């Protein structure tokens, strides 16, 4: 019984760490996507400014 409990506990901790890792990766991806969108917007505004003036 003890061996089974420790095995299940190890599995639970692995799952928790995996979920944390997934959340971290998703957060990093979201930030990078936001930065890329902002940079694209900045580039487009810089390109369109001389045309309007």
PDB file of N, CA and C in Angstrom:
ATOM      1  N   UNK A   1       0.827  -1.209   0.000  1.00  0.00           N
ATOM      2  CA  UNK A   1       0.000   0.000   0.000  1.00  0.00           C
ATOM      3  C   UNK A   1       0.863   1.262   0.000  1.00  0.00           C
ATOM      4  N   UNK A   2       1.916   1.241   0.796  1.00  0.00           N
ATOM      5  CA  UNK A   2       2.763   2.439   0.879  1.00  0.00           C
ATOM      6  C   UNK A   2       3.417   2.751  -0.464  1.00  0.00           C
ATOM      7  N   UNK A   3       3.894   1.696  -1.129  1.00  0.00           N
ATOM      8  CA  UNK A   3       4.555   1.899  -2.420  1.00  0.00           C
ATOM      9  C   UNK A   3       3.563   2.522  -3.414  1.00  0.00           C
ATOM     10  N   UNK A   4       2.341   2.021  -3.414  1.00  0.00           N
ATOM     11  CA  UNK A   4       1.322   2.560  -4.318  1.00  0.00           C
ATOM     12  C   UNK A   4       1.038   4.028  -4.000  1.00  0.00           C
ATOM     13  N   UNK A   5       0.936   4.341  -2.708  1.00  0.00           N
ATOM     14  CA  UNK A   5       0.663   5.723  -2.308  1.00  0.00           C
ATOM     15  C   UNK A   5       1.775   6.659  -2.766  1.00  0.00           C
ATOM     16  N   UNK A   6       3.019   6.245  -2.562  1.00  0.00           N
ATOM     17  CA  UNK A   6       4.135   7.097  -2.975  1.00  0.00           C
ATOM     18  C   UNK A   6       4.148   7.252  -4.490  1.00  0.00           C
ATOM     19  N   UNK A   7       3.833   6.174  -5.204  1.00  0.00           N
ATOM     20  CA  UNK A   7       3.804   6.256  -6.670  1.00  0.00           C
ATOM     21  C   UNK A   7       2.737   7.238  -7.128  1.00  0.00           C
ATOM     22  N   UNK A   8       1.554   7.147  -6.545  1.00  0.00           N
ATOM     23  CA  UNK A   8       0.475   8.053  -6.921  1.00  0.00           C
ATOM     24  C   UNK A   8       0.836   9.494  -6.543  1.00  0.00           C
ATOM     25  N   UNK A   9       1.508   9.659  -5.396  1.00  0.00           N
ATOM     26  CA  UNK A   9       1.932  10.996  -4.972  1.00  0.00           C
ATOM     27  C   UNK A   9       2.931  11.569  -5.966  1.00  0.00           C
ATOM     28  N   UNK A  10       3.872  10.744  -6.402  1.00  0.00           N
ATOM     29  CA  UNK A  10       4.864  11.191  -7.386  1.00  0.00           C
ATOM     30  C   UNK A  10       4.162  11.579  -8.684  1.00  0.00           C
ATOM     31  N   UNK A  11       3.187  10.795  -9.102  1.00  0.00           N
ATOM     32  CA  UNK A  11       2.423  11.107 -10.312  1.00  0.00           C
ATOM     33  C   UNK A  11       1.700  12.444 -10.154  1.00  0.00           C
ATOM     34  N   UNK A  12       1.098  12.665  -8.987  1.00  0.00           N
ATOM     35  CA  UNK A  12       0.380  13.917  -8.742  1.00  0.00           C
ATOM     36  C   UNK A  12       1.326  15.106  -8.832  1.00  0.00           C
ATOM     37  N   UNK A  13       2.492  15.002  -8.195  1.00  0.00           N
ATOM     38  CA  UNK A  13       3.448  16.109  -8.229  1.00  0.00           C
ATOM     39  C   UNK A  13       3.926  16.341  -9.651  1.00  0.00           C
ATOM     40  N   UNK A  14       4.144  15.267 -10.400  1.00  0.00           N
ATOM     41  CA  UNK A  14       4.560  15.405 -11.797  1.00  0.00           C
ATOM     42  C   UNK A  14       3.482  16.116 -12.601  1.00  0.00           C
ATOM     43  N   UNK A  15       2.227  15.757 -12.378  1.00  0.00           N
ATOM     44  CA  UNK A  15       1.117  16.401 -13.084  1.00  0.00           C
ATOM     45  C   UNK A  15       1.039  17.880 -12.727  1.00  0.00           C
ATOM     46  N   UNK A  16       1.210  18.197 -11.441  1.00  0.00           N
ATOM     47  CA  UNK A  16       1.149  19.589 -10.984  1.00  0.00           C
ATOM     48  C   UNK A  16       2.272  20.396 -11.637  1.00  0.00           C
ATOM     49  N   UNK A  17       3.484  19.852 -11.630  1.00  0.00           N
ATOM     50  CA  UNK A  17       4.620  20.552 -12.232  1.00  0.00           C
ATOM     51  C   UNK A  17       4.412  20.695 -13.733  1.00  0.00           C
ATOM     52  N   UNK A  18       3.823  19.680 -14.364  1.00  0.00           N
ATOM     53  CA  UNK A  18       3.546  19.729 -15.806  1.00  0.00           C
ATOM     54  C   UNK A  18       2.544  20.833 -16.113  1.00  0.00           C
ATOM     55  N   UNK A  19       1.513  20.954 -15.274  1.00  0.00           N
ATOM     56  CA  UNK A  19       0.503  22.003 -15.448  1.00  0.00           C
ATOM     57  C   UNK A  19       1.153  23.378 -15.272  1.00  0.00           C
ATOM     58  N   UNK A  20       2.014  23.509 -14.260  1.00  0.00           N
ATOM     59  CA  UNK A  20       2.722  24.774 -14.039  1.00  0.00           C
ATOM     60  C   UNK A  20       3.578  25.116 -15.243  1.00  0.00           C
ATOM     61  N   UNK A  21       4.269  24.102 -15.786  1.00  0.00           N
ATOM     62  CA  UNK A  21       5.118  24.307 -16.955  1.00  0.00           C
ATOM     63  C   UNK A  21       4.278  24.755 -18.144  1.00  0.00           C
ATOM     64  N   UNK A  22       3.126  24.121 -18.325  1.00  0.00           N
ATOM     65  CA  UNK A  22       2.229  24.490 -19.428  1.00  0.00           C
ATOM     66  C   UNK A  22       1.754  25.933 -19.277  1.00  0.00           C
ATOM     67  N   UNK A  23       1.375  26.308 -18.045  1.00  0.00           N
ATOM     68  CA  UNK A  23       0.928  27.680 -17.786  1.00  0.00           C
ATOM     69  C   UNK A  23       2.043  28.674 -18.086  1.00  0.00           C
ATOM     70  N   UNK A  24       3.268  28.341 -17.666  1.00  0.00           N
ATOM     71  CA  UNK A  24       4.417  29.208 -17.907  1.00  0.00           C
ATOM     72  C   UNK A  24       4.650  29.370 -19.401  1.00  0.00           C
ATOM     73  N   UNK A  25       4.608  28.257 -20.135  1.00  0.00           N
ATOM     74  CA  UNK A  25       4.835  28.296 -21.584  1.00  0.00           C
ATOM     75  C   UNK A  25       3.749  29.126 -22.263  1.00  0.00           C
ATOM     76  N   UNK A  26       2.495  28.916 -21.863  1.00  0.00           N
ATOM     77  CA  UNK A  26       1.385  29.653 -22.469  1.00  0.00           C
ATOM     78  C   UNK A  26       1.518  31.151 -22.183  1.00  0.00           C
ATOM     79  N   UNK A  27       1.949  31.488 -20.965  1.00  0.00           N
ATOM     80  CA  UNK A  27       2.161  32.888 -20.611  1.00  0.00           C
ATOM     81  C   UNK A  27       3.245  33.518 -21.460  1.00  0.00           C
ATOM     82  N   UNK A  28       4.344  32.803 -21.642  1.00  0.00           N
ATOM     83  CA  UNK A  28       5.458  33.306 -22.460  1.00  0.00           C
ATOM     84  C   UNK A  28       5.005  33.485 -23.904  1.00  0.00           C
ATOM     85  N   UNK A  29       4.243  32.523 -24.405  1.00  0.00           N
ATOM     86  CA  UNK A  29       3.741  32.592 -25.786  1.00  0.00           C
ATOM     87  C   UNK A  29       2.812  33.793 -25.943  1.00  0.00           C
ATOM     88  N   UNK A  30       1.932  33.998 -24.969  1.00  0.00           N
ATOM     89  CA  UNK A  30       1.007  35.136 -25.016  1.00  0.00           C
ATOM     90  C   UNK A  30       1.764  36.456 -25.042  1.00  0.00           C
ATOM     91  N   UNK A  31       2.779  36.574 -24.182  1.00  0.00           N
ATOM     92  CA  UNK A  31       3.579  37.800 -24.110  1.00  0.00           C
ATOM     93  C   UNK A  31       4.294  38.041 -25.438  1.00  0.00           C
ATOM     94  N   UNK A  32       4.889  36.982 -25.999  1.00  0.00           N
ATOM     95  CA  UNK A  32       5.620  37.128 -27.266  1.00  0.00           C
ATOM     96  C   UNK A  32       4.667  37.518 -28.397  1.00  0.00           C
ATOM     97  N   UNK A  33       3.467  36.933 -28.398  1.00  0.00           N
ATOM     98  CA  UNK A  33       2.469  37.268 -29.424  1.00  0.00           C
ATOM     99  C   UNK A  33       2.052  38.729 -29.289  1.00  0.00           C
ATOM    100  N   UNK A  34       1.817  39.171 -28.059  1.00  0.00           N
ATOM    101  CA  UNK A  34       1.438  40.566 -27.820  1.00  0.00           C
ATOM    102  C   UNK A  34       2.536  41.514 -28.286  1.00  0.00           C
ATOM    103  N   UNK A  35       3.792  41.178 -27.978  1.00  0.00           N
ATOM    104  CA  UNK A  35       4.927  42.013 -28.376  1.00  0.00           C
ATOM    105  C   UNK A  35       5.015  42.082 -29.897  1.00  0.00           C
ATOM    106  N   UNK A  36       4.842  40.932 -30.562  1.00  0.00           N
ATOM    107  CA  UNK A  36       4.925  40.904 -32.029  1.00  0.00           C
ATOM    108  C   UNK A  36       3.802  41.740 -32.644  1.00  0.00           C
ATOM    109  N   UNK A  37       2.587  41.645 -32.081  1.00  0.00           N
ATOM    110  CA  UNK A  37       1.450  42.424 -32.584  1.00  0.00           C
ATOM    111  C   UNK A  37       1.721  43.919 -32.396  1.00  0.00           C
ATOM    112  N   UNK A  38       2.222  44.285 -31.216  1.00  0.00           N
ATOM    113  CA  UNK A  38       2.527  45.691 -30.938  1.00  0.00           C
ATOM    114  C   UNK A  38       3.601  46.216 -31.874  1.00  0.00           C
ATOM    115  N   UNK A  39       4.645  45.413 -32.106  1.00  0.00           N
ATOM    116  CA  UNK A  39       5.731  45.839 -32.998  1.00  0.00           C
ATOM    117  C   UNK A  39       5.211  45.993 -34.425  1.00  0.00           C
ATOM    118  N   UNK A  40       4.339  45.079 -34.856  1.00  0.00           N
ATOM    119  CA  UNK A  40       3.749  45.177 -36.198  1.00  0.00           C
ATOM    120  C   UNK A  40       2.904  46.443 -36.314  1.00  0.00           C
ATOM    121  N   UNK A  41       2.121  46.737 -35.278  1.00  0.00           N
ATOM    122  CA  UNK A  41       1.302  47.951 -35.270  1.00  0.00           C
ATOM    123  C   UNK A  41       2.184  49.191 -35.324  1.00  0.00           C
ATOM    124  N   UNK A  42       3.259  49.191 -34.544  1.00  0.00           N
ATOM    125  CA  UNK A  42       4.188  50.319 -34.527  1.00  0.00           C
ATOM    126  C   UNK A  42       4.809  50.505 -35.906  1.00  0.00           C
ATOM    127  N   UNK A  43       5.213  49.417 -36.535  1.00  0.00           N
ATOM    128  CA  UNK A  43       5.813  49.488 -37.872  1.00  0.00           C
ATOM    129  C   UNK A  43       4.808  50.022 -38.883  1.00  0.00           C
ATOM    130  N   UNK A  44       3.571  49.564 -38.804  1.00  0.00           N
ATOM    131  CA  UNK A  44       2.542  50.003 -39.752  1.00  0.00           C
ATOM    132  C   UNK A  44       2.248  51.491 -39.557  1.00  0.00           C
ATOM    133  N   UNK A  45       2.194  51.957 -38.308  1.00  0.00           N
ATOM    134  CA  UNK A  45       1.933  53.377 -38.048  1.00  0.00           C
ATOM    135  C   UNK A  45       3.102  54.224 -38.538  1.00  0.00           C
ATOM    136  N   UNK A  46       4.329  53.739 -38.341  1.00  0.00           N
ATOM    137  CA  UNK A  46       5.518  54.472 -38.799  1.00  0.00           C
ATOM    138  C   UNK A  46       5.516  54.551 -40.324  1.00  0.00           C
ATOM    139  N   UNK A  47       5.087  53.482 -40.982  1.00  0.00           N
ATOM    140  CA  UNK A  47       5.048  53.465 -42.448  1.00  0.00           C
ATOM    141  C   UNK A  47       3.955  54.384 -42.989  1.00  0.00           C
ATOM    142  N   UNK A  48       2.816  54.475 -42.289  1.00  0.00           N
ATOM    143  CA  UNK A  48       1.691  55.267 -42.786  1.00  0.00           C
ATOM    144  C   UNK A  48       1.812  56.749 -42.421  1.00  0.00           C
ATOM    145  N   UNK A  49       2.609  57.095 -41.423  1.00  0.00           N
ATOM    146  CA  UNK A  49       2.744  58.496 -41.003  1.00  0.00           C
ATOM    147  C   UNK A  49       3.264  59.401 -42.119  1.00  0.00           C
ATOM    148  N   UNK A  50       4.350  59.060 -42.804  1.00  0.00           N
ATOM    149  CA  UNK A  50       4.849  59.945 -43.866  1.00  0.00           C
ATOM    150  C   UNK A  50       3.823  60.151 -44.990  1.00  0.00           C
ATOM    151  N   UNK A  51       2.982  59.166 -45.251  1.00  0.00           N
ATOM    152  CA  UNK A  51       1.981  59.287 -46.309  1.00  0.00           C
ATOM    153  C   UNK A  51       0.907  60.309 -45.924  1.00  0.00           C
ATOM    154  N   UNK A  52       0.511  60.329 -44.641  1.00  0.00           N
ATOM    155  CA  UNK A  52      -0.547  61.238 -44.204  1.00  0.00           C
ATOM    156  C   UNK A  52      -0.045  62.674 -44.149  1.00  0.00           C
ATOM    157  N   UNK A  53       1.221  62.870 -43.803  1.00  0.00           N
ATOM    158  CA  UNK A  53       1.760  64.232 -43.652  1.00  0.00           C
ATOM    159  C   UNK A  53       2.002  64.851 -45.034  1.00  0.00           C
TER     160      UNK A  53
END
